[in-house]
Amino acid sequence: MSTQPEKDDPATKSEFERLGEEPQLPLWKEFWLFIVENKAWWMVPILLAVGLIGVLAVLGSTGAAPFIYPLF
């Protein structure tokens, strides 16, 4: 006979355990919450610039390259 409650009893779980069972947020949503909560708005232009460079690199290596080069 044990007087300890069961491990799976929701009433005995800590807040940490309850939060661990919640579904995780997607990476982009978690990063956006990080920027908003920490007031790191200076990161937004940097991320946009890096994203645009990445898109241009991908498009430059595909069949769309001849159409992109005249733009520059």
PDB file of N, CA and C in Angstrom:
ATOM      1  N   MET A   1       0.834  -1.169   0.000  1.00  0.00           N
ATOM      2  CA  MET A   1       0.000   0.000   0.000  1.00  0.00           C
ATOM      3  C   MET A   1       0.880   1.234   0.000  1.00  0.00           C
ATOM      4  N   SER A   2       0.617   2.048  -0.936  1.00  0.00           N
ATOM      5  CA  SER A   2       1.392   3.278  -1.061  1.00  0.00           C
ATOM      6  C   SER A   2       0.465   4.477  -0.868  1.00  0.00           C
ATOM      7  N   THR A   3       0.958   5.461  -0.148  1.00  0.00           N
ATOM      8  CA  THR A   3       0.156   6.665   0.058  1.00  0.00           C
ATOM      9  C   THR A   3       0.509   7.751  -0.945  1.00  0.00           C
ATOM     10  N   GLN A   4       1.493   7.475  -1.799  1.00  0.00           N
ATOM     11  CA  GLN A   4       1.886   8.465  -2.805  1.00  0.00           C
ATOM     12  C   GLN A   4       0.905   8.423  -3.972  1.00  0.00           C
ATOM     13  N   PRO A   5       0.560   9.569  -4.520  1.00  0.00           N
ATOM     14  CA  PRO A   5      -0.335   9.583  -5.689  1.00  0.00           C
ATOM     15  C   PRO A   5       0.383   9.038  -6.919  1.00  0.00           C
ATOM     16  N   GLU A   6      -0.401   8.607  -7.859  1.00  0.00           N
ATOM     17  CA  GLU A   6       0.149   8.082  -9.106  1.00  0.00           C
ATOM     18  C   GLU A   6       0.940   9.155  -9.846  1.00  0.00           C
ATOM     19  N   LYS A   7       1.941   8.733 -10.603  1.00  0.00           N
ATOM     20  CA  LYS A   7       2.771   9.672 -11.364  1.00  0.00           C
ATOM     21  C   LYS A   7       1.981  10.353 -12.478  1.00  0.00           C
ATOM     22  N   ASP A   8       1.007   9.655 -13.059  1.00  0.00           N
ATOM     23  CA  ASP A   8       0.261  10.203 -14.191  1.00  0.00           C
ATOM     24  C   ASP A   8      -0.937  11.040 -13.760  1.00  0.00           C
ATOM     25  N   ASP A   9      -1.127  11.227 -12.490  1.00  0.00           N
ATOM     26  CA  ASP A   9      -2.244  12.017 -11.994  1.00  0.00           C
ATOM     27  C   ASP A   9      -2.028  13.485 -12.362  1.00  0.00           C
ATOM     28  N   PRO A  10      -2.953  14.112 -13.126  1.00  0.00           N
ATOM     29  CA  PRO A  10      -2.749  15.500 -13.550  1.00  0.00           C
ATOM     30  C   PRO A  10      -2.654  16.483 -12.390  1.00  0.00           C
ATOM     31  N   ALA A  11      -3.228  16.155 -11.258  1.00  0.00           N
ATOM     32  CA  ALA A  11      -3.187  17.074 -10.124  1.00  0.00           C
ATOM     33  C   ALA A  11      -1.797  17.146  -9.507  1.00  0.00           C
ATOM     34  N   THR A  12      -0.978  16.114  -9.712  1.00  0.00           N
ATOM     35  CA  THR A  12       0.348  16.096  -9.093  1.00  0.00           C
ATOM     36  C   THR A  12       1.443  16.573 -10.035  1.00  0.00           C
ATOM     37  N   LYS A  13       1.123  16.826 -11.279  1.00  0.00           N
ATOM     38  CA  LYS A  13       2.141  17.261 -12.234  1.00  0.00           C
ATOM     39  C   LYS A  13       2.528  18.705 -11.970  1.00  0.00           C
ATOM     40  N   SER A  14       3.814  18.962 -12.141  1.00  0.00           N
ATOM     41  CA  SER A  14       4.295  20.330 -11.958  1.00  0.00           C
ATOM     42  C   SER A  14       3.940  21.165 -13.188  1.00  0.00           C
ATOM     43  N   GLU A  15       4.100  22.450 -13.060  1.00  0.00           N
ATOM     44  CA  GLU A  15       3.816  23.340 -14.193  1.00  0.00           C
ATOM     45  C   GLU A  15       4.749  23.022 -15.354  1.00  0.00           C
ATOM     46  N   PHE A  16       5.994  22.683 -15.042  1.00  0.00           N
ATOM     47  CA  PHE A  16       6.973  22.334 -16.072  1.00  0.00           C
ATOM     48  C   PHE A  16       6.516  21.116 -16.869  1.00  0.00           C
ATOM     49  N   GLU A  17       5.997  20.102 -16.188  1.00  0.00           N
ATOM     50  CA  GLU A  17       5.524  18.903 -16.869  1.00  0.00           C
ATOM     51  C   GLU A  17       4.296  19.196 -17.721  1.00  0.00           C
ATOM     52  N   ARG A  18       3.394  20.024 -17.211  1.00  0.00           N
ATOM     53  CA  ARG A  18       2.196  20.379 -17.991  1.00  0.00           C
ATOM     54  C   ARG A  18       2.575  21.154 -19.251  1.00  0.00           C
ATOM     55  N   LEU A  19       3.530  22.086 -19.123  1.00  0.00           N
ATOM     56  CA  LEU A  19       3.952  22.847 -20.298  1.00  0.00           C
ATOM     57  C   LEU A  19       4.676  21.963 -21.300  1.00  0.00           C
ATOM     58  N   GLY A  20       5.370  20.941 -20.819  1.00  0.00           N
ATOM     59  CA  GLY A  20       6.068  20.021 -21.710  1.00  0.00           C
ATOM     60  C   GLY A  20       5.132  19.173 -22.541  1.00  0.00           C
ATOM     61  N   GLU A  21       3.919  18.982 -22.080  1.00  0.00           N
ATOM     62  CA  GLU A  21       2.951  18.168 -22.811  1.00  0.00           C
ATOM     63  C   GLU A  21       2.150  18.969 -23.831  1.00  0.00           C
ATOM     64  N   GLU A  22       2.233  20.289 -23.784  1.00  0.00           N
ATOM     65  CA  GLU A  22       1.521  21.113 -24.761  1.00  0.00           C
ATOM     66  C   GLU A  22       2.182  20.975 -26.128  1.00  0.00           C
ATOM     67  N   PRO A  23       1.416  21.149 -27.203  1.00  0.00           N
ATOM     68  CA  PRO A  23       2.019  21.082 -28.540  1.00  0.00           C
ATOM     69  C   PRO A  23       3.010  22.225 -28.740  1.00  0.00           C
ATOM     70  N   GLN A  24       4.107  21.922 -29.436  1.00  0.00           N
ATOM     71  CA  GLN A  24       5.137  22.928 -29.662  1.00  0.00           C
ATOM     72  C   GLN A  24       4.730  23.873 -30.785  1.00  0.00           C
ATOM     73  N   LEU A  25       5.207  25.114 -30.687  1.00  0.00           N
ATOM     74  CA  LEU A  25       4.962  26.110 -31.722  1.00  0.00           C
ATOM     75  C   LEU A  25       5.911  25.875 -32.889  1.00  0.00           C
ATOM     76  N   PRO A  26       5.500  26.257 -34.103  1.00  0.00           N
ATOM     77  CA  PRO A  26       6.433  26.203 -35.229  1.00  0.00           C
ATOM     78  C   PRO A  26       7.608  27.151 -34.983  1.00  0.00           C
ATOM     79  N   LEU A  27       8.721  26.885 -35.633  1.00  0.00           N
ATOM     80  CA  LEU A  27       9.941  27.655 -35.411  1.00  0.00           C
ATOM     81  C   LEU A  27       9.742  29.130 -35.712  1.00  0.00           C
ATOM     82  N   TRP A  28       9.085  29.453 -36.819  1.00  0.00           N
ATOM     83  CA  TRP A  28       8.913  30.862 -37.183  1.00  0.00           C
ATOM     84  C   TRP A  28       8.044  31.591 -36.170  1.00  0.00           C
ATOM     85  N   LYS A  29       7.031  30.910 -35.620  1.00  0.00           N
ATOM     86  CA  LYS A  29       6.153  31.543 -34.637  1.00  0.00           C
ATOM     87  C   LYS A  29       6.890  31.760 -33.313  1.00  0.00           C
ATOM     88  N   GLU A  30       7.695  30.794 -32.931  1.00  0.00           N
ATOM     89  CA  GLU A  30       8.475  30.926 -31.709  1.00  0.00           C
ATOM     90  C   GLU A  30       9.496  32.061 -31.846  1.00  0.00           C
ATOM     91  N   PHE A  31      10.102  32.176 -33.022  1.00  0.00           N
ATOM     92  CA  PHE A  31      11.068  33.252 -33.254  1.00  0.00           C
ATOM     93  C   PHE A  31      10.372  34.611 -33.240  1.00  0.00           C
ATOM     94  N   TRP A  32       9.180  34.700 -33.820  1.00  0.00           N
ATOM     95  CA  TRP A  32       8.424  35.957 -33.810  1.00  0.00           C
ATOM     96  C   TRP A  32       8.073  36.356 -32.377  1.00  0.00           C
ATOM     97  N   LEU A  33       7.650  35.387 -31.562  1.00  0.00           N
ATOM     98  CA  LEU A  33       7.356  35.685 -30.161  1.00  0.00           C
ATOM     99  C   LEU A  33       8.606  36.161 -29.427  1.00  0.00           C
ATOM    100  N   PHE A  34       9.758  35.588 -29.774  1.00  0.00           N
ATOM    101  CA  PHE A  34      11.019  36.032 -29.176  1.00  0.00           C
ATOM    102  C   PHE A  34      11.283  37.496 -29.512  1.00  0.00           C
ATOM    103  N   ILE A  35      11.093  37.873 -30.772  1.00  0.00           N
ATOM    104  CA  ILE A  35      11.334  39.254 -31.194  1.00  0.00           C
ATOM    105  C   ILE A  35      10.370  40.202 -30.485  1.00  0.00           C
ATOM    106  N   VAL A  36       9.102  39.829 -30.397  1.00  0.00           N
ATOM    107  CA  VAL A  36       8.101  40.702 -29.779  1.00  0.00           C
ATOM    108  C   VAL A  36       8.342  40.844 -28.278  1.00  0.00           C
ATOM    109  N   GLU A  37       8.567  39.732 -27.590  1.00  0.00           N
ATOM    110  CA  GLU A  37       8.711  39.780 -26.134  1.00  0.00           C
ATOM    111  C   GLU A  37      10.004  40.454 -25.691  1.00  0.00           C
ATOM    112  N   ASN A  38      11.063  40.315 -26.486  1.00  0.00           N
ATOM    113  CA  ASN A  38      12.350  40.900 -26.110  1.00  0.00           C
ATOM    114  C   ASN A  38      12.603  42.241 -26.787  1.00  0.00           C
ATOM    115  N   LYS A  39      11.620  42.720 -27.525  1.00  0.00           N
ATOM    116  CA  LYS A  39      11.723  44.000 -28.233  1.00  0.00           C
ATOM    117  C   LYS A  39      12.995  44.065 -29.083  1.00  0.00           C
ATOM    118  N   ALA A  40      13.225  43.020 -29.836  1.00  0.00           N
ATOM    119  CA  ALA A  40      14.405  42.927 -30.690  1.00  0.00           C
ATOM    120  C   ALA A  40      14.028  43.270 -32.133  1.00  0.00           C
ATOM    121  N   TRP A  41      13.406  44.432 -32.320  1.00  0.00           N
ATOM    122  CA  TRP A  41      12.940  44.829 -33.651  1.00  0.00           C
ATOM    123  C   TRP A  41      14.092  45.088 -34.606  1.00  0.00           C
ATOM    124  N   TRP A  42      15.288  45.325 -34.092  1.00  0.00           N
ATOM    125  CA  TRP A  42      16.433  45.565 -34.953  1.00  0.00           C
ATOM    126  C   TRP A  42      16.787  44.320 -35.761  1.00  0.00           C
ATOM    127  N   MET A  43      16.296  43.149 -35.353  1.00  0.00           N
ATOM    128  CA  MET A  43      16.599  41.907 -36.067  1.00  0.00           C
ATOM    129  C   MET A  43      15.768  41.749 -37.337  1.00  0.00           C
ATOM    130  N   VAL A  44      14.632  42.412 -37.419  1.00  0.00           N
ATOM    131  CA  VAL A  44      13.722  42.228 -38.552  1.00  0.00           C
ATOM    132  C   VAL A  44      14.374  42.627 -39.878  1.00  0.00           C
ATOM    133  N   PRO A  45      14.993  43.821 -40.019  1.00  0.00           N
ATOM    134  CA  PRO A  45      15.616  44.154 -41.303  1.00  0.00           C
ATOM    135  C   PRO A  45      16.767  43.219 -41.672  1.00  0.00           C
ATOM    136  N   ILE A  46      17.502  42.767 -40.679  1.00  0.00           N
ATOM    137  CA  ILE A  46      18.602  41.837 -40.952  1.00  0.00           C
ATOM    138  C   ILE A  46      18.048  40.526 -41.496  1.00  0.00           C
ATOM    139  N   LEU A  47      16.998  40.021 -40.871  1.00  0.00           N
ATOM    140  CA  LEU A  47      16.406  38.766 -41.328  1.00  0.00           C
ATOM    141  C   LEU A  47      15.790  38.897 -42.713  1.00  0.00           C
ATOM    142  N   LEU A  48      15.164  40.037 -42.991  1.00  0.00           N
ATOM    143  CA  LEU A  48      14.611  40.252 -44.332  1.00  0.00           C
ATOM    144  C   LEU A  48      15.715  40.288 -45.383  1.00  0.00           C
ATOM    145  N   ALA A  49      16.814  40.959 -45.087  1.00  0.00           N
ATOM    146  CA  ALA A  49      17.925  41.032 -46.038  1.00  0.00           C
ATOM    147  C   ALA A  49      18.528  39.650 -46.275  1.00  0.00           C
ATOM    148  N   VAL A  50      18.734  38.892 -45.216  1.00  0.00           N
ATOM    149  CA  VAL A  50      19.286  37.539 -45.364  1.00  0.00           C
ATOM    150  C   VAL A  50      18.310  36.656 -46.140  1.00  0.00           C
ATOM    151  N   GLY A  51      17.020  36.805 -45.876  1.00  0.00           N
ATOM    152  CA  GLY A  51      16.020  36.032 -46.606  1.00  0.00           C
ATOM    153  C   GLY A  51      15.997  36.362 -48.088  1.00  0.00           C
ATOM    154  N   LEU A  52      16.086  37.650 -48.424  1.00  0.00           N
ATOM    155  CA  LEU A  52      16.115  38.045 -49.838  1.00  0.00           C
ATOM    156  C   LEU A  52      17.367  37.533 -50.539  1.00  0.00           C
ATOM    157  N   ILE A  53      18.494  37.599 -49.871  1.00  0.00           N
ATOM    158  CA  ILE A  53      19.728  37.066 -50.462  1.00  0.00           C
ATOM    159  C   ILE A  53      19.594  35.566 -50.687  1.00  0.00           C
ATOM    160  N   GLY A  54      18.976  34.864 -49.744  1.00  0.00           N
ATOM    161  CA  GLY A  54      18.755  33.430 -49.908  1.00  0.00           C
ATOM    162  C   GLY A  54      17.841  33.116 -51.075  1.00  0.00           C
ATOM    163  N   VAL A  55      16.774  33.898 -51.224  1.00  0.00           N
ATOM    164  CA  VAL A  55      15.849  33.689 -52.347  1.00  0.00           C
ATOM    165  C   VAL A  55      16.562  33.952 -53.668  1.00  0.00           C
ATOM    166  N   LEU A  56      17.351  35.016 -53.735  1.00  0.00           N
ATOM    167  CA  LEU A  56      18.099  35.299 -54.962  1.00  0.00           C
ATOM    168  C   LEU A  56      19.115  34.206 -55.268  1.00  0.00           C
ATOM    169  N   ALA A  57      19.741  33.647 -54.255  1.00  0.00           N
ATOM    170  CA  ALA A  57      20.697  32.563 -54.476  1.00  0.00           C
ATOM    171  C   ALA A  57      20.001  31.329 -55.034  1.00  0.00           C
ATOM    172  N   VAL A  58      18.828  31.026 -54.517  1.00  0.00           N
ATOM    173  CA  VAL A  58      18.084  29.866 -55.010  1.00  0.00           C
ATOM    174  C   VAL A  58      17.608  30.110 -56.436  1.00  0.00           C
ATOM    175  N   LEU A  59      17.052  31.290 -56.690  1.00  0.00           N
ATOM    176  CA  LEU A  59      16.569  31.588 -58.040  1.00  0.00           C
ATOM    177  C   LEU A  59      17.718  31.716 -59.032  1.00  0.00           C
ATOM    178  N   GLY A  60      18.876  32.178 -58.564  1.00  0.00           N
ATOM    179  CA  GLY A  60      20.033  32.319 -59.447  1.00  0.00           C
ATOM    180  C   GLY A  60      20.602  30.985 -59.888  1.00  0.00           C
ATOM    181  N   SER A  61      20.334  29.940 -59.129  1.00  0.00           N
ATOM    182  CA  SER A  61      20.857  28.624 -59.487  1.00  0.00           C
ATOM    183  C   SER A  61      19.828  27.789 -60.246  1.00  0.00           C
ATOM    184  N   THR A  62      18.683  28.361 -60.561  1.00  0.00           N
ATOM    185  CA  THR A  62      17.648  27.626 -61.289  1.00  0.00           C
ATOM    186  C   THR A  62      17.521  28.178 -62.707  1.00  0.00           C
ATOM    187  N   GLY A  63      16.498  27.755 -63.396  1.00  0.00           N
ATOM    188  CA  GLY A  63      16.249  28.228 -64.751  1.00  0.00           C
ATOM    189  C   GLY A  63      15.778  29.665 -64.800  1.00  0.00           C
ATOM    190  N   ALA A  64      15.482  30.259 -63.663  1.00  0.00           N
ATOM    191  CA  ALA A  64      15.029  31.646 -63.627  1.00  0.00           C
ATOM    192  C   ALA A  64      16.189  32.633 -63.691  1.00  0.00           C
ATOM    193  N   ALA A  65      17.415  32.142 -63.651  1.00  0.00           N
ATOM    194  CA  ALA A  65      18.588  33.022 -63.623  1.00  0.00           C
ATOM    195  C   ALA A  65      18.646  33.986 -64.809  1.00  0.00           C
ATOM    196  N   PRO A  66      18.392  33.554 -66.040  1.00  0.00           N
ATOM    197  CA  PRO A  66      18.469  34.504 -67.155  1.00  0.00           C
ATOM    198  C   PRO A  66      17.464  35.655 -67.052  1.00  0.00           C
ATOM    199  N   PHE A  67      16.393  35.451 -66.333  1.00  0.00           N
ATOM    200  CA  PHE A  67      15.398  36.510 -66.185  1.00  0.00           C
ATOM    201  C   PHE A  67      15.736  37.459 -65.036  1.00  0.00           C
ATOM    202  N   ILE A  68      16.555  37.003 -64.102  1.00  0.00           N
ATOM    203  CA  ILE A  68      16.925  37.832 -62.953  1.00  0.00           C
ATOM    204  C   ILE A  68      18.094  38.748 -63.290  1.00  0.00           C
ATOM    205  N   TYR A  69      19.050  38.270 -64.071  1.00  0.00           N
ATOM    206  CA  TYR A  69      20.259  39.047 -64.354  1.00  0.00           C
ATOM    207  C   TYR A  69      19.973  40.405 -64.995  1.00  0.00           C
ATOM    208  N   PRO A  70      19.016  40.544 -65.910  1.00  0.00           N
ATOM    209  CA  PRO A  70      18.750  41.879 -66.470  1.00  0.00           C
ATOM    210  C   PRO A  70      18.228  42.887 -65.445  1.00  0.00           C
ATOM    211  N   LEU A  71      17.709  42.412 -64.326  1.00  0.00           N
ATOM    212  CA  LEU A  71      17.214  43.326 -63.303  1.00  0.00           C
ATOM    213  C   LEU A  71      18.344  44.071 -62.610  1.00  0.00           C
ATOM    214  N   PHE A  72      19.531  43.511 -62.622  1.00  0.00           N
ATOM    215  CA  PHE A  72      20.669  44.142 -61.956  1.00  0.00           C
ATOM    216  C   PHE A  72      21.605  44.640 -63.011  1.00  0.00           C
TER     217      PHE A  72
END
